[in-house]
Amino acid sequence: MQKAHIAITARTGLIFIKRAEILYCCSEGAYTNIHLEGGRKLTVSKNLKEVQATLQDEQFVRIHASHLVNLEHTVGYINNSYNCVKMSNGKELSVARSRKQELMDCFVKI
């Protein structure tokens, strides 16, 4: 059973956030920026692979070497000169060609 909250280590202690609050995660070398609802951003000293392993949830999908998205916050897919997924906050994130099919398999098409 997945826990509803995760604990993020901060300088002053722990910050508890709900998994559902996470929009997407972006890697920056050995660090990962976790983007949350309301425009908040937390930076953790773990790489994206470690963050993905911690979340261990089907609602989080790796779409690029540097992006992990919460499917609950995706609102569209743009198929133009560069493929990207549109997030609920308006941000567009690149989808790697090698990961496009994995993303598409998460959705039922009509």
Protein backbone atom coordinates (compact mmCIF):
# COMPACT_ATOMS: atom_id res chain seq x y z
CA MET A 1 0.00 0.00 0.00
CA GLN A 2 1.36 3.42 -1.00
CA LYS A 3 1.59 6.03 1.71
CA ALA A 4 -0.25 9.26 0.90
CA HIS A 5 2.60 11.48 2.12
CA ILE A 6 6.33 11.56 1.56
CA ALA A 7 8.94 13.25 3.74
CA ILE A 8 11.43 15.64 2.14
CA THR A 9 14.63 16.34 4.07
CA ALA A 10 15.27 20.04 4.59
CA ARG A 11 17.96 21.92 6.52
CA THR A 12 15.65 22.46 9.46
CA GLY A 13 13.98 19.02 9.52
CA LEU A 14 11.40 17.24 7.39
CA ILE A 15 8.72 18.64 5.08
CA PHE A 16 5.69 16.40 4.54
CA ILE A 17 3.93 16.63 1.20
CA LYS A 18 1.10 14.67 -0.37
CA ARG A 19 2.01 12.63 -3.44
CA ALA A 20 -0.99 14.17 -5.20
CA GLU A 21 0.56 17.65 -4.76
CA ILE A 22 3.53 16.75 -6.94
CA LEU A 23 3.16 18.01 -10.52
CA TYR A 24 6.52 16.88 -11.87
CA CYS A 25 10.18 16.42 -10.97
CA CYS A 26 13.16 17.72 -12.95
CA SER A 27 16.75 16.64 -12.54
CA GLU A 28 19.67 19.00 -12.14
CA GLY A 29 22.69 16.72 -11.91
CA ALA A 30 22.78 15.14 -8.46
CA TYR A 31 19.76 17.20 -7.37
CA THR A 32 16.06 16.99 -8.20
CA ASN A 33 13.57 19.86 -8.21
CA ILE A 34 10.11 18.75 -7.11
CA HIS A 35 7.45 21.10 -8.50
CA LEU A 36 4.26 21.24 -6.44
CA GLU A 37 0.78 22.67 -6.81
CA GLY A 38 0.61 26.39 -6.13
CA GLY A 39 3.98 27.06 -7.74
CA ARG A 40 6.08 25.76 -4.85
CA LYS A 41 9.37 24.02 -5.59
CA LEU A 42 11.52 21.85 -3.33
CA THR A 43 15.06 20.76 -4.13
CA VAL A 44 16.36 17.45 -2.81
CA SER A 45 19.88 16.09 -2.92
CA LYS A 46 18.88 12.92 -4.74
CA ASN A 47 19.06 12.21 -8.45
CA LEU A 48 15.87 11.65 -10.43
CA LYS A 49 16.32 7.87 -10.48
CA GLU A 50 16.36 7.80 -6.67
CA VAL A 51 13.28 10.05 -6.47
CA GLN A 52 11.45 7.80 -8.95
CA ALA A 53 12.36 4.72 -6.89
CA THR A 54 11.09 6.43 -3.74
CA LEU A 55 7.74 7.34 -5.31
CA GLN A 56 7.24 3.80 -6.77
CA ASP A 57 3.84 4.63 -8.14
CA GLU A 58 2.15 4.04 -11.49
CA GLN A 59 0.90 7.62 -11.53
CA PHE A 60 4.51 8.85 -11.93
CA VAL A 61 6.05 8.23 -15.36
CA ARG A 62 9.53 9.05 -16.60
CA ILE A 63 9.12 10.91 -19.91
CA HIS A 64 12.69 12.09 -20.38
CA ALA A 65 16.11 11.61 -18.80
CA SER A 66 15.40 14.76 -16.81
CA HIS A 67 11.60 14.67 -16.28
CA LEU A 68 9.27 12.58 -14.14
CA VAL A 69 5.59 13.57 -14.34
CA ASN A 70 2.50 12.89 -12.26
CA LEU A 71 -0.11 11.63 -14.75
CA GLU A 72 -2.86 13.18 -12.62
CA HIS A 73 -1.51 16.60 -13.60
CA THR A 74 -1.04 16.05 -17.34
CA VAL A 75 -3.59 17.83 -19.49
CA GLY A 76 -2.37 17.16 -23.01
CA TYR A 77 0.26 15.95 -25.42
CA ILE A 78 1.62 18.17 -28.16
CA ASN A 79 2.96 16.36 -31.21
CA ASN A 80 4.85 18.97 -33.23
CA SER A 81 8.52 19.53 -34.06
CA TYR A 82 9.32 18.52 -30.51
CA ASN A 83 7.06 16.23 -28.53
CA CYS A 84 5.95 17.52 -25.15
CA VAL A 85 3.39 16.96 -22.46
CA LYS A 86 1.40 19.89 -21.10
CA MET A 87 1.00 20.06 -17.35
CA SER A 88 -1.88 21.48 -15.30
CA ASN A 89 0.23 24.55 -14.42
CA GLY A 90 0.77 25.33 -18.12
CA LYS A 91 4.36 24.10 -18.24
CA GLU A 92 5.38 22.05 -21.30
CA LEU A 93 7.92 19.27 -20.73
CA SER A 94 9.83 17.47 -23.48
CA VAL A 95 9.10 13.80 -24.08
CA ALA A 96 12.00 11.69 -25.31
CA ARG A 97 11.23 9.70 -28.46
CA SER A 98 12.31 6.54 -26.66
CA ARG A 99 9.78 7.18 -23.86
CA LYS A 100 6.82 8.35 -25.94
CA GLN A 101 5.20 4.92 -26.26
CA GLU A 102 5.46 4.26 -22.52
CA LEU A 103 3.63 7.55 -21.90
CA MET A 104 0.97 6.83 -24.55
CA ASP A 105 0.34 3.38 -23.04
CA CYS A 106 -0.78 5.11 -19.81
CA PHE A 107 -3.84 6.56 -21.52
CA VAL A 108 -6.93 5.10 -23.18
CA LYS A 109 -7.51 6.73 -26.55
CA ILE A 110 -10.93 7.31 -28.05
